[in-house]
C-alpha atoms as a PDB file:
ATOM      1  CA  MET A   1     101.685 104.295  29.822  1.00  0.00           C
ATOM      2  CA  GLY A   2     103.207 103.256  33.125  1.00  0.00           C
ATOM      3  CA  ARG A   3     101.818 101.837  36.337  1.00  0.00           C
ATOM      4  CA  ASP A   4      98.684 102.840  38.252  1.00  0.00           C
ATOM      5  CA  PHE A   5      98.803 106.287  39.804  1.00  0.00           C
ATOM      6  CA  SER A   6      97.040 107.059  43.071  1.00  0.00           C
ATOM      7  CA  PHE A   7      96.299 110.700  42.277  1.00  0.00           C
ATOM      8  CA  ASP A   8      94.803 110.488  38.788  1.00  0.00           C
ATOM      9  CA  ASP A   9      92.517 107.785  37.416  1.00  0.00           C
ATOM     10  CA  CYS A  10      94.026 108.284  33.952  1.00  0.00           C
ATOM     11  CA  GLY A  11      97.571 107.593  35.138  1.00  0.00           C
ATOM     12  CA  ARG A  12     100.753 109.631  35.176  1.00  0.00           C
ATOM     13  CA  ALA A  13     100.795 110.254  31.424  1.00  0.00           C
ATOM     14  CA  PHE A  14      97.390 111.961  31.415  1.00  0.00           C
ATOM     15  CA  THR A  15      97.703 113.826  34.708  1.00  0.00           C
ATOM     16  CA  CYS A  16      96.374 117.337  34.067  1.00  0.00           C
ATOM     17  CA  LEU A  17      98.730 120.259  34.546  1.00  0.00           C
ATOM     18  CA  PRO A  18      97.664 123.794  35.594  1.00  0.00           C
ATOM     19  CA  VAL A  19      98.480 125.194  32.166  1.00  0.00           C
ATOM     20  CA  GLU A  20      96.690 127.245  29.525  1.00  0.00           C
ATOM     21  CA  GLU A  21      98.081 127.696  26.025  1.00  0.00           C
ATOM     22  CA  PRO A  22      96.487 130.772  24.420  1.00  0.00           C
ATOM     23  CA  GLY A  23      98.268 130.126  21.127  1.00  0.00           C
ATOM     24  CA  ALA A  24      97.071 126.535  20.771  1.00  0.00           C
ATOM     25  CA  PRO A  25      94.847 125.682  17.750  1.00  0.00           C
ATOM     26  CA  ALA A  26      92.068 124.606  20.137  1.00  0.00           C
ATOM     27  CA  GLU A  27      91.385 125.154  23.813  1.00  0.00           C
ATOM     28  CA  ALA A  28      91.985 121.947  25.728  1.00  0.00           C
ATOM     29  CA  LEU A  29      93.358 120.639  28.982  1.00  0.00           C
ATOM     30  CA  VAL A  30      97.119 120.126  29.030  1.00  0.00           C
ATOM     31  CA  CYS A  31      98.343 116.831  30.449  1.00  0.00           C
ATOM     32  CA  ASN A  32     101.807 115.505  31.191  1.00  0.00           C
ATOM     33  CA  LEU A  33     101.904 113.664  27.863  1.00  0.00           C
ATOM     34  CA  ASP A  34     101.352 116.968  26.033  1.00  0.00           C
ATOM     35  CA  SER A  35     104.267 118.461  27.936  1.00  0.00           C
ATOM     36  CA  LEU A  36     106.553 115.518  27.158  1.00  0.00           C
ATOM     37  CA  LEU A  37     105.603 115.547  23.471  1.00  0.00           C
ATOM     38  CA  GLY A  38     106.394 119.260  23.316  1.00  0.00           C
ATOM     39  CA  THR A  39     109.740 118.739  25.034  1.00  0.00           C
ATOM     40  CA  MET A  40     110.690 115.856  22.772  1.00  0.00           C
ATOM     41  CA  THR A  41     109.506 117.495  19.538  1.00  0.00           C
ATOM     42  CA  HIS A  42     110.782 121.030  20.048  1.00  0.00           C
ATOM     43  CA  ARG A  43     113.775 120.489  22.346  1.00  0.00           C
ATOM     44  CA  LEU A  44     115.419 117.063  22.296  1.00  0.00           C
ATOM     45  CA  CYS A  45     114.605 115.694  18.845  1.00  0.00           C
ATOM     46  CA  VAL A  46     115.553 118.787  16.846  1.00  0.00           C
ATOM     47  CA  GLY A  47     118.119 117.753  14.229  1.00  0.00           C
ATOM     48  CA  SER A  48     117.990 114.140  15.365  1.00  0.00           C
ATOM     49  CA  PRO A  49     119.631 111.498  13.150  1.00  0.00           C
ATOM     50  CA  PRO A  50     117.513 108.505  12.041  1.00  0.00           C
ATOM     51  CA  GLY A  51     116.543 106.242  14.894  1.00  0.00           C
ATOM     52  CA  VAL A  52     113.961 105.566  17.594  1.00  0.00           C
ATOM     53  CA  TRP A  53     113.277 107.772  20.613  1.00  0.00           C
ATOM     54  CA  VAL A  54     111.848 106.271  23.811  1.00  0.00           C
ATOM     55  CA  CYS A  55     110.436 108.484  26.567  1.00  0.00           C
ATOM     56  CA  SER A  56     109.014 107.523  29.950  1.00  0.00           C
ATOM     57  CA  THR A  57     105.659 109.016  30.956  1.00  0.00           C
ATOM     58  CA  ASP A  58     106.275 108.540  34.698  1.00  0.00           C
ATOM     59  CA  MET A  59     108.024 111.886  35.097  1.00  0.00           C
ATOM     60  CA  LEU A  60     107.807 115.643  34.745  1.00  0.00           C
ATOM     61  CA  LEU A  61     110.657 116.813  32.523  1.00  0.00           C
ATOM     62  CA  THR A  62     111.913 120.353  31.909  1.00  0.00           C
ATOM     63  CA  VAL A  63     114.578 120.947  29.261  1.00  0.00           C
ATOM     64  CA  PRO A  64     116.247 124.246  28.292  1.00  0.00           C
ATOM     65  CA  SER A  65     115.381 125.792  24.962  1.00  0.00           C
ATOM     66  CA  ALA A  66     118.844 125.089  23.558  1.00  0.00           C
ATOM     67  CA  PRO A  67     120.293 121.833  24.967  1.00  0.00           C
ATOM     68  CA  GLY A  68     122.696 121.592  22.029  1.00  0.00           C
ATOM     69  CA  GLU A  69     122.673 119.935  18.655  1.00  0.00           C
ATOM     70  CA  SER A  70     122.092 116.201  18.431  1.00  0.00           C
ATOM     71  CA  GLN A  71     125.353 114.317  18.055  1.00  0.00           C
ATOM     72  CA  PRO A  72     125.909 111.341  15.758  1.00  0.00           C
ATOM     73  CA  CYS A  73     125.137 108.108  17.592  1.00  0.00           C
ATOM     74  CA  ARG A  74     126.170 104.635  16.435  1.00  0.00           C
ATOM     75  CA  GLY A  75     124.471 102.736  19.239  1.00  0.00           C
ATOM     76  CA  CYS A  76     122.362 104.018  22.119  1.00  0.00           C
ATOM     77  CA  LEU A  77     122.286 107.509  23.630  1.00  0.00           C
ATOM     78  CA  VAL A  78     120.725 108.168  27.028  1.00  0.00           C
ATOM     79  CA  TRP A  79     119.809 111.597  28.362  1.00  0.00           C
ATOM     80  CA  ALA A  80     120.482 112.630  31.929  1.00  0.00           C
ATOM     81  CA  SER A  81     120.081 115.569  34.278  1.00  0.00           C
ATOM     82  CA  PRO A  82     122.469 116.452  37.134  1.00  0.00           C
ATOM     83  CA  LYS A  83     121.296 115.547  40.625  1.00  0.00           C
ATOM     84  CA  SER A  84     122.663 114.364  43.952  1.00  0.00           C
ATOM     85  CA  SER A  85     121.437 110.801  43.522  1.00  0.00           C
ATOM     86  CA  SER A  86     122.206 107.493  41.862  1.00  0.00           C
ATOM     87  CA  GLY A  87     123.037 107.499  38.177  1.00  0.00           C
ATOM     88  CA  TRP A  88     125.645 106.629  35.578  1.00  0.00           C
ATOM     89  CA  SER A  89     129.257 105.512  35.819  1.00  0.00           C
ATOM     90  CA  LEU A  90     131.220 106.997  32.917  1.00  0.00           C
ATOM     91  CA  SER A  91     134.551 106.472  31.179  1.00  0.00           C
ATOM     92  CA  GLN A  92     135.711 108.658  28.277  1.00  0.00           C
ATOM     93  CA  GLY A  93     132.139 109.694  27.490  1.00  0.00           C
ATOM     94  CA  LEU A  94     130.781 106.138  27.409  1.00  0.00           C
ATOM     95  CA  VAL A  95     128.574 104.595  30.085  1.00  0.00           C
ATOM     96  CA  CYS A  96     130.273 101.864  32.132  1.00  0.00           C
ATOM     97  CA  ASP A  97     127.404 100.994  34.467  1.00  0.00           C
ATOM     98  CA  ILE A  98     123.944 102.058  35.616  1.00  0.00           C
ATOM     99  CA  ILE A  99     123.740 102.295  39.394  1.00  0.00           C
ATOM    100  CA  TYR A 100     120.445 101.817  41.220  1.00  0.00           C
ATOM    101  CA  LYS A 101     120.243 102.432  44.971  1.00  0.00           C
ATOM    102  CA  GLY A 102     124.014 102.353  45.105  1.00  0.00           C
ATOM    103  CA  THR A 103     126.242 102.759  48.126  1.00  0.00           C
ATOM    104  CA  GLU A 104     127.757 106.094  49.086  1.00  0.00           C
ATOM    105  CA  ALA A 105     131.083 104.970  47.632  1.00  0.00           C
ATOM    106  CA  GLN A 106     129.474 104.054  44.297  1.00  0.00           C
ATOM    107  CA  ILE A 107     127.722 107.411  44.107  1.00  0.00           C
ATOM    108  CA  GLN A 108     130.946 109.276  44.828  1.00  0.00           C
ATOM    109  CA  GLN A 109     132.652 107.489  41.938  1.00  0.00           C
ATOM    110  CA  CYS A 110     130.050 108.985  39.584  1.00  0.00           C
ATOM    111  CA  ALA A 111     130.186 112.514  40.998  1.00  0.00           C
ATOM    112  CA  GLY A 112     131.469 115.412  38.960  1.00  0.00           C
ATOM    113  CA  PRO A 113     133.466 118.415  40.198  1.00  0.00           C
ATOM    114  CA  ASP A 114     130.273 120.079  41.475  1.00  0.00           C
ATOM    115  CA  GLY A 115     129.270 117.008  43.502  1.00  0.00           C
ATOM    116  CA  THR A 116     126.315 116.022  41.319  1.00  0.00           C
ATOM    117  CA  VAL A 117     125.955 112.834  39.302  1.00  0.00           C
ATOM    118  CA  PRO A 118     124.170 112.269  35.963  1.00  0.00           C
ATOM    119  CA  LEU A 119     120.686 110.983  36.775  1.00  0.00           C
ATOM    120  CA  VAL A 120     118.679 108.783  34.420  1.00  0.00           C
ATOM    121  CA  CYS A 121     115.777 110.881  33.143  1.00  0.00           C
ATOM    122  CA  GLY A 122     113.805 108.317  31.168  1.00  0.00           C
ATOM    123  CA  VAL A 123     114.747 109.377  27.622  1.00  0.00           C
ATOM    124  CA  VAL A 124     116.681 107.022  25.330  1.00  0.00           C
ATOM    125  CA  PHE A 125     117.663 107.271  21.663  1.00  0.00           C
ATOM    126  CA  PHE A 126     118.441 104.127  19.655  1.00  0.00           C
ATOM    127  CA  SER A 127     120.287 104.548  16.376  1.00  0.00           C
ATOM    128  CA  SER A 128     118.620 102.913  13.386  1.00  0.00           C
ATOM    129  CA  ASP A 129     121.088  99.997  13.504  1.00  0.00           C
ATOM    130  CA  ALA A 130     120.576  99.418  17.233  1.00  0.00           C
ATOM    131  CA  ALA A 131     116.793  99.729  16.887  1.00  0.00           C
ATOM    132  CA  GLU A 132     116.732  97.157  14.080  1.00  0.00           C
ATOM    133  CA  GLN A 133     118.745  94.701  16.163  1.00  0.00           C
ATOM    134  CA  LEU A 134     116.496  95.211  19.176  1.00  0.00           C
ATOM    135  CA  LEU A 135     113.279  94.820  17.184  1.00  0.00           C
ATOM    136  CA  ALA A 136     114.599  91.650  15.566  1.00  0.00           C
ATOM    137  CA  THR A 137     114.706  89.951  18.978  1.00  0.00           C
ATOM    138  CA  HIS A 138     110.922  90.040  19.410  1.00  0.00           C
ATOM    139  CA  VAL A 139     110.537  86.732  17.561  1.00  0.00           C
ATOM    140  CA  ILE A 140     113.338  84.965  19.459  1.00  0.00           C
ATOM    141  CA  PRO A 141     112.267  82.917  22.518  1.00  0.00           C
ATOM    142  CA  PRO A 142     111.961  83.821  25.330  1.00  0.00           C
ATOM    143  CA  LEU A 143     111.790  87.493  24.285  1.00  0.00           C
ATOM    144  CA  ASP A 144     108.695  86.729  22.226  1.00  0.00           C
ATOM    145  CA  ALA A 145     106.928  86.432  25.595  1.00  0.00           C
ATOM    146  CA  CYS A 146     107.247  90.227  25.886  1.00  0.00           C
ATOM    147  CA  THR A 147     104.890  90.626  22.903  1.00  0.00           C
ATOM    148  CA  TYR A 148     101.378  89.551  22.011  1.00  0.00           C
ATOM    149  CA  MET A 149     102.834  87.027  19.545  1.00  0.00           C
ATOM    150  CA  GLY A 150     104.442  85.007  22.304  1.00  0.00           C
ATOM    151  CA  LEU A 151     101.472  85.360  24.636  1.00  0.00           C
ATOM    152  CA  ASP A 152      99.093  84.165  21.915  1.00  0.00           C
ATOM    153  CA  SER A 153     101.322  81.120  21.534  1.00  0.00           C
ATOM    154  CA  GLY A 154     100.965  80.305  25.223  1.00  0.00           C
ATOM    155  CA  ALA A 155     104.349  81.550  26.434  1.00  0.00           C
ATOM    156  CA  PRO A 156     104.394  82.820  30.046  1.00  0.00           C
ATOM    157  CA  PRO A 157     104.840  86.617  30.106  1.00  0.00           C
ATOM    158  CA  ILE A 158     108.233  88.130  30.904  1.00  0.00           C
ATOM    159  CA  GLN A 159     108.658  91.613  32.326  1.00  0.00           C
ATOM    160  CA  LEU A 160     111.872  93.408  31.379  1.00  0.00           C
ATOM    161  CA  SER A 161     113.285  96.796  32.303  1.00  0.00           C
ATOM    162  CA  LEU A 162     114.296  99.212  29.557  1.00  0.00           C
ATOM    163  CA  PHE A 163     117.354 100.395  31.481  1.00  0.00           C
ATOM    164  CA  PHE A 164     118.419  97.379  33.538  1.00  0.00           C
ATOM    165  CA  ASP A 165     117.727  94.628  30.996  1.00  0.00           C
ATOM    166  CA  ILE A 166     118.069  96.279  27.582  1.00  0.00           C
ATOM    167  CA  VAL A 167     120.233  99.395  27.886  1.00  0.00           C
ATOM    168  CA  LEU A 168     122.528  97.925  30.563  1.00  0.00           C
ATOM    169  CA  CYS A 169     123.860  95.209  28.248  1.00  0.00           C
ATOM    170  CA  MET A 170     125.506  97.959  26.151  1.00  0.00           C
ATOM    171  CA  ALA A 171     127.395  99.452  29.120  1.00  0.00           C
ATOM    172  CA  GLY A 172     131.147  99.179  28.669  1.00  0.00           C
ATOM    173  CA  GLY A 173     131.828  97.932  32.187  1.00  0.00           C
ATOM    174  CA  MET A 174     129.513  94.918  31.978  1.00  0.00           C
ATOM    175  CA  THR A 175     130.624  91.359  31.263  1.00  0.00           C
ATOM    176  CA  GLU A 176     128.334  88.736  29.786  1.00  0.00           C
ATOM    177  CA  GLU A 177     128.553  86.570  32.892  1.00  0.00           C
ATOM    178  CA  ASP A 178     127.668  89.392  35.303  1.00  0.00           C
ATOM    179  CA  PHE A 179     124.873  90.668  33.083  1.00  0.00           C
ATOM    180  CA  VAL A 180     123.191  87.302  32.551  1.00  0.00           C
ATOM    181  CA  LYS A 181     123.582  86.194  36.191  1.00  0.00           C
ATOM    182  CA  GLY A 182     121.897  89.381  37.399  1.00  0.00           C
ATOM    183  CA  GLY A 183     118.639  88.477  35.686  1.00  0.00           C
ATOM    184  CA  GLY A 184     116.839  86.718  38.523  1.00  0.00           C
ATOM    185  CA  ASP A 185     114.860  83.672  37.368  1.00  0.00           C
ATOM    186  CA  ALA A 186     115.800  81.378  34.484  1.00  0.00           C
ATOM    187  CA  SER A 187     113.491  82.992  31.908  1.00  0.00           C
ATOM    188  CA  VAL A 188     114.912  86.476  32.504  1.00  0.00           C
ATOM    189  CA  ARG A 189     118.475  85.141  32.408  1.00  0.00           C
ATOM    190  CA  SER A 190     117.697  83.496  29.077  1.00  0.00           C
ATOM    191  CA  ALA A 191     116.205  86.752  27.777  1.00  0.00           C
ATOM    192  CA  ARG A 192     119.273  88.670  28.923  1.00  0.00           C
ATOM    193  CA  SER A 193     121.506  86.232  27.078  1.00  0.00           C
ATOM    194  CA  VAL A 194     119.648  86.947  23.825  1.00  0.00           C
ATOM    195  CA  LEU A 195     119.840  90.705  24.427  1.00  0.00           C
ATOM    196  CA  TRP A 196     123.566  90.512  25.128  1.00  0.00           C
ATOM    197  CA  THR A 197     124.226  88.708  21.862  1.00  0.00           C
ATOM    198  CA  ALA A 198     122.161  91.228  19.899  1.00  0.00           C
ATOM    199  CA  LEU A 199     123.174  94.519  21.498  1.00  0.00           C
ATOM    200  CA  HIS A 200     126.390  94.409  23.522  1.00  0.00           C
ATOM    201  CA  THR A 201     128.570  95.516  20.577  1.00  0.00           C
ATOM    202  CA  PHE A 202     126.747  98.854  20.352  1.00  0.00           C
ATOM    203  CA  PRO A 203     128.311 101.675  22.401  1.00  0.00           C
ATOM    204  CA  LEU A 204     126.249 103.314  25.138  1.00  0.00           C
ATOM    205  CA  SER A 205     126.852 107.043  25.441  1.00  0.00           C
ATOM    206  CA  MET A 206     125.234 109.770  27.507  1.00  0.00           C
ATOM    207  CA  ALA A 207     124.204 113.396  27.020  1.00  0.00           C
ATOM    208  CA  CYS A 208     123.819 115.427  30.211  1.00  0.00           C
ATOM    209  CA  ILE A 209     121.762 118.642  30.087  1.00  0.00           C
ATOM    210  CA  PRO A 210     123.028 120.902  32.891  1.00  0.00           C
ATOM    211  CA  ASP A 211     119.874 123.007  33.293  1.00  0.00           C
ATOM    212  CA  ALA A 212     117.339 120.205  32.893  1.00  0.00           C
ATOM    213  CA  SER A 213     115.082 119.142  35.745  1.00  0.00           C
ATOM    214  CA  TYR A 214     113.585 115.702  36.229  1.00  0.00           C
ATOM    215  CA  ASP A 215     110.901 114.830  38.764  1.00  0.00           C
ATOM    216  CA  TYR A 216     109.652 111.266  39.012  1.00  0.00           C
ATOM    217  CA  MET A 217     105.939 111.136  39.830  1.00  0.00           C
ATOM    218  CA  THR A 218     106.072 109.209  43.083  1.00  0.00           C
ATOM    219  CA  THR A 219     103.310 107.785  45.281  1.00  0.00           C
ATOM    220  CA  SER A 220     103.785 110.703  47.683  1.00  0.00           C
ATOM    221  CA  ALA A 221     100.865 113.131  47.810  1.00  0.00           C
ATOM    222  CA  SER A 222     103.223 115.863  49.001  1.00  0.00           C
ATOM    223  CA  ASP A 223     105.377 115.449  45.892  1.00  0.00           C
ATOM    224  CA  HIS A 224     102.350 115.503  43.604  1.00  0.00           C
ATOM    225  CA  ILE A 225     100.880 118.629  45.183  1.00  0.00           C
ATOM    226  CA  ARG A 226     104.260 120.334  45.023  1.00  0.00           C
ATOM    227  CA  SER A 227     104.614 119.543  41.317  1.00  0.00           C
ATOM    228  CA  LEU A 228     101.238 121.173  40.594  1.00  0.00           C
ATOM    229  CA  THR A 229     101.776 124.312  42.661  1.00  0.00           C
ATOM    230  CA  LEU A 230     105.411 125.244  42.059  1.00  0.00           C
ATOM    231  CA  LEU A 231     106.095 127.164  38.874  1.00  0.00           C
ATOM    232  CA  PRO A 232     108.450 125.367  36.467  1.00  0.00           C
ATOM    233  CA  GLY A 233     111.785 126.952  35.684  1.00  0.00           C
ATOM    234  CA  SER A 234     112.188 129.604  33.039  1.00  0.00           C
ATOM    235  CA  ALA A 235     113.556 126.907  30.729  1.00  0.00           C
ATOM    236  CA  SER A 236     110.155 125.228  30.500  1.00  0.00           C
ATOM    237  CA  HIS A 237     107.968 125.756  27.449  1.00  0.00           C
ATOM    238  CA  LEU A 238     104.929 125.652  29.761  1.00  0.00           C
ATOM    239  CA  ARG A 239     103.681 128.388  32.056  1.00  0.00           C
ATOM    240  CA  PHE A 240     101.752 127.235  35.110  1.00  0.00           C
ATOM    241  CA  CYS A 241      98.882 129.447  36.252  1.00  0.00           C
ATOM    242  CA  LYS A 242      96.782 129.617  39.404  1.00  0.00           C
ATOM    243  CA  THR A 243      93.511 128.947  37.547  1.00  0.00           C
ATOM    244  CA  ALA A 244      93.499 126.931  34.320  1.00  0.00           C
ATOM    245  CA  HIS A 245      90.354 126.186  32.302  1.00  0.00           C
ATOM    246  CA  SER A 246      88.234 127.139  35.311  1.00  0.00           C
ATOM    247  CA  HIS A 247      85.567 129.602  36.424  1.00  0.00           C
ATOM    248  CA  VAL A 248      86.012 130.991  39.929  1.00  0.00           C
ATOM    249  CA  ASP A 249      83.418 133.389  41.342  1.00  0.00           C
ATOM    250  CA  GLN A 250      85.834 134.908  43.866  1.00  0.00           C
ATOM    251  CA  PRO A 251      89.424 134.490  42.611  1.00  0.00           C
ATOM    252  CA  CYS A 252      90.685 136.757  45.397  1.00  0.00           C
ATOM    253  CA  LEU A 253      90.124 133.842  47.816  1.00  0.00           C
ATOM    254  CA  LEU A 254      92.740 131.716  46.039  1.00  0.00           C
ATOM    255  CA  GLU A 255      96.106 132.213  47.699  1.00  0.00           C
ATOM    256  CA  ASP A 256      99.342 132.344  45.738  1.00  0.00           C
ATOM    257  CA  GLY A 257     100.866 128.893  45.593  1.00  0.00           C
ATOM    258  CA  SER A 258      97.516 127.161  45.068  1.00  0.00           C
ATOM    259  CA  SER A 259      96.223 125.595  41.863  1.00  0.00           C
ATOM    260  CA  VAL A 260      92.764 125.165  40.295  1.00  0.00           C
ATOM    261  CA  THR A 261      92.346 123.209  37.046  1.00  0.00           C
ATOM    262  CA  ASN A 262      89.164 122.322  35.137  1.00  0.00           C
ATOM    263  CA  CYS A 263      86.855 123.482  37.927  1.00  0.00           C
ATOM    264  CA  LEU A 264      83.729 125.501  38.621  1.00  0.00           C
ATOM    265  CA  LEU A 265      83.931 127.197  42.020  1.00  0.00           C
ATOM    266  CA  GLU A 266      80.729 129.011  42.969  1.00  0.00           C
ATOM    267  CA  GLY A 267      80.466 131.347  45.910  1.00  0.00           C
ATOM    268  CA  ALA A 268      83.104 131.801  48.589  1.00  0.00           C
ATOM    269  CA  VAL A 269      85.600 128.969  48.126  1.00  0.00           C
ATOM    270  CA  ARG A 270      88.826 129.792  49.953  1.00  0.00           C
ATOM    271  CA  LEU A 271      91.925 127.837  48.925  1.00  0.00           C
ATOM    272  CA  ALA A 272      95.147 128.010  50.926  1.00  0.00           C
ATOM    273  CA  ALA A 273      98.639 127.979  49.470  1.00  0.00           C
ATOM    274  CA  GLY A 274      99.975 124.494  48.832  1.00  0.00           C
ATOM    275  CA  SER A 275      96.594 123.003  47.886  1.00  0.00           C
ATOM    276  CA  VAL A 276      95.192 121.785  44.562  1.00  0.00           C
ATOM    277  CA  ILE A 277      91.660 121.396  43.185  1.00  0.00           C
ATOM    278  CA  GLN A 278      91.096 119.552  39.897  1.00  0.00           C
ATOM    279  CA  HIS A 279      87.961 118.481  37.999  1.00  0.00           C
ATOM    280  CA  CYS A 280      85.563 119.726  40.692  1.00  0.00           C
ATOM    281  CA  HIS A 281      82.290 121.632  40.912  1.00  0.00           C
ATOM    282  CA  LEU A 282      82.140 123.129  44.402  1.00  0.00           C
ATOM    283  CA  GLN A 283      79.723 125.565  45.999  1.00  0.00           C
ATOM    284  CA  GLY A 284      80.778 127.808  48.855  1.00  0.00           C
ATOM    285  CA  PRO A 285      81.115 128.718  51.555  1.00  0.00           C
ATOM    286  CA  LEU A 286      84.073 126.347  51.796  1.00  0.00           C
ATOM    287  CA  GLU A 287      87.500 126.721  53.346  1.00  0.00           C
ATOM    288  CA  ILE A 288      90.251 124.413  52.139  1.00  0.00           C
ATOM    289  CA  GLY A 289      93.441 124.558  54.157  1.00  0.00           C
ATOM    290  CA  PRO A 290      97.017 123.844  53.084  1.00  0.00           C
ATOM    291  CA  GLY A 291      98.254 120.465  51.888  1.00  0.00           C
ATOM    292  CA  CYS A 292      95.006 119.333  50.223  1.00  0.00           C
ATOM    293  CA  LEU A 293      94.268 117.659  46.901  1.00  0.00           C
ATOM    294  CA  LEU A 294      90.600 117.577  45.868  1.00  0.00           C
ATOM    295  CA  SER A 295      89.607 115.905  42.619  1.00  0.00           C
ATOM    296  CA  GLY A 296      86.448 114.640  40.939  1.00  0.00           C
ATOM    297  CA  LEU A 297      83.954 116.186  43.395  1.00  0.00           C
ATOM    298  CA  THR A 298      80.517 117.411  42.323  1.00  0.00           C
ATOM    299  CA  ALA A 299      78.323 120.148  43.751  1.00  0.00           C
ATOM    300  CA  GLY A 300      76.468 117.537  45.806  1.00  0.00           C
ATOM    301  CA  SER A 301      79.600 116.996  47.886  1.00  0.00           C
ATOM    302  CA  SER A 302      79.819 120.624  49.013  1.00  0.00           C
ATOM    303  CA  PRO A 303      77.316 120.425  51.931  1.00  0.00           C
ATOM    304  CA  ALA A 304      79.258 117.524  53.464  1.00  0.00           C
ATOM    305  CA  LEU A 305      82.504 119.493  53.295  1.00  0.00           C
ATOM    306  CA  ARG A 306      81.249 122.652  54.977  1.00  0.00           C
ATOM    307  CA  GLY A 307      82.535 123.010  58.487  1.00  0.00           C
ATOM    308  CA  CYS A 308      85.043 120.166  58.082  1.00  0.00           C
ATOM    309  CA  PRO A 309      88.698 120.890  58.922  1.00  0.00           C
ATOM    310  CA  LEU A 310      90.123 120.304  55.449  1.00  0.00           C
ATOM    311  CA  ARG A 311      93.877 120.199  55.880  1.00  0.00           C
ATOM    312  CA  ASP A 312      96.546 117.762  54.625  1.00  0.00           C
ATOM    313  CA  ILE A 313      94.033 115.418  52.972  1.00  0.00           C
ATOM    314  CA  VAL A 314      93.544 113.837  49.552  1.00  0.00           C
ATOM    315  CA  LEU A 315      89.838 113.538  48.669  1.00  0.00           C
ATOM    316  CA  GLN A 316      88.940 112.088  45.281  1.00  0.00           C
ATOM    317  CA  GLY A 317      85.757 111.062  43.507  1.00  0.00           C
ATOM    318  CA  HIS A 318      85.910 108.183  41.027  1.00  0.00           C
ATOM    319  CA  HIS A 319      83.461 106.942  38.406  1.00  0.00           C
ATOM    320  CA  VAL A 320      83.354 103.131  38.509  1.00  0.00           C
ATOM    321  CA  ARG A 321      81.138 100.440  37.022  1.00  0.00           C
ATOM    322  CA  LEU A 322      80.359  97.209  38.851  1.00  0.00           C
ATOM    323  CA  HIS A 323      79.011  94.886  36.171  1.00  0.00           C
ATOM    324  CA  ASP A 324      76.156  97.010  34.751  1.00  0.00           C
ATOM    325  CA  LEU A 325      75.853  99.301  37.771  1.00  0.00           C
ATOM    326  CA  PRO A 326      77.540 102.716  37.388  1.00  0.00           C
ATOM    327  CA  CYS A 327      78.369 104.428  40.660  1.00  0.00           C
ATOM    328  CA  ARG A 328      80.681 106.942  42.290  1.00  0.00           C
ATOM    329  CA  VAL A 329      83.294 106.004  44.853  1.00  0.00           C
ATOM    330  CA  PHE A 330      85.155 108.425  47.102  1.00  0.00           C
ATOM    331  CA  THR A 331      88.586 107.888  48.607  1.00  0.00           C
ATOM    332  CA  LEU A 332      89.982 109.863  51.527  1.00  0.00           C
ATOM    333  CA  THR A 333      93.622 109.631  52.575  1.00  0.00           C
ATOM    334  CA  GLY A 334      96.118 111.774  54.419  1.00  0.00           C
ATOM    335  CA  ARG A 335      98.761 113.761  52.592  1.00  0.00           C
ATOM    336  CA  LEU A 336     101.495 112.100  54.638  1.00  0.00           C
ATOM    337  CA  ASP A 337     100.145 108.544  54.347  1.00  0.00           C
ATOM    338  CA  ASN A 338     102.714 106.070  53.041  1.00  0.00           C
ATOM    339  CA  TRP A 339     101.183 103.702  50.495  1.00  0.00           C
ATOM    340  CA  GLN A 340     104.307 101.546  50.415  1.00  0.00           C
ATOM    341  CA  VAL A 341     104.101 100.485  54.068  1.00  0.00           C
ATOM    342  CA  TRP A 342     101.759  97.617  55.014  1.00  0.00           C
ATOM    343  CA  THR A 343     100.602  97.805  58.617  1.00  0.00           C
ATOM    344  CA  GLY A 344      98.521  94.640  58.552  1.00  0.00           C
ATOM    345  CA  VAL A 345      95.347  96.609  59.344  1.00  0.00           C
ATOM    346  CA  LEU A 346      92.794  97.597  56.708  1.00  0.00           C
ATOM    347  CA  ARG A 347      89.952  99.890  57.708  1.00  0.00           C
ATOM    348  CA  TRP A 348      86.881 100.763  55.660  1.00  0.00           C
ATOM    349  CA  CYS A 349      84.565 103.672  56.268  1.00  0.00           C
ATOM    350  CA  GLN A 350      81.181 104.084  54.628  1.00  0.00           C
ATOM    351  CA  ALA A 351      79.495 107.422  55.178  1.00  0.00           C
ATOM    352  CA  PRO A 352      75.694 107.759  55.143  1.00  0.00           C
ATOM    353  CA  ARG A 353      74.254 108.184  51.664  1.00  0.00           C
ATOM    354  CA  GLU A 354      72.753 111.575  52.485  1.00  0.00           C
ATOM    355  CA  ALA A 355      76.169 112.948  53.450  1.00  0.00           C
ATOM    356  CA  GLY A 356      77.143 113.113  49.797  1.00  0.00           C
ATOM    357  CA  VAL A 357      80.729 111.956  50.352  1.00  0.00           C
END
């Protein structure tokens, strides 16, 4: 289900969305996985030929209601959305190369008449023949090290990329030498050699959906808050709402452009535009400024928050267990903090127990 995600303990796939579905068989929170399953089932997979669909859960994906009928596919079909970024190199409808962090010249070669390029959106369809060939490789060393069978036999694990190790070998512009040499260490090069033999004869085609939108769930708090407060396009099958599965005593204090999901807000809790509260029980009076993400806080945290200048912060409560000791841990970061930059300094702050946070 993807890598760890800083803003939800359950990961990107189970990140809750500010959505209510009145027509659903049962009332329940809606997570990103629900959205992706709905998109795949009711939009992309309609009329699909036999095969295997693969969908990333590290993204928010919006697809129009009528992207077009599924076309026959003999090999592998990748889906893309238009964006001014890195993407696919095409020739006569077939993919020649997959470009990652390419140069300006490489990007321009992929651009269409409108200046956009087809961007990988994490959805791949393997025809039944291609899927059978791919699955057959799981017993061939060293690819068996990607499965529990190889690991149980003592093989060192190998990490492969769906796009740059598996799908790329089917690109028309690749040669065996270039593909295998680009694999890094010896084990990955050996794995790429097996994949090339099994899959390179299958054509790699692409379907671009002009009105689709793709948003990778990054480590940026600003991006995450924006994705939970901006309404999706009219093409989406979901409808975001300001309060979802929540009880708010004074909803007039919630500004437009804010979001409250799975919460109980008692008393005067003011929430500015551009801020998100999820999975919290808060008691007013509280004033939460713009650029905030609050999650997992209980009523006991409210006294510690009163009078604090809450603006551009990410405050989260986490349930953890240390051996047999259950406890709650709180993390406080800035909205603009960069988790991918190491400064060489690590600071810890432990508030007094009676503070509640």
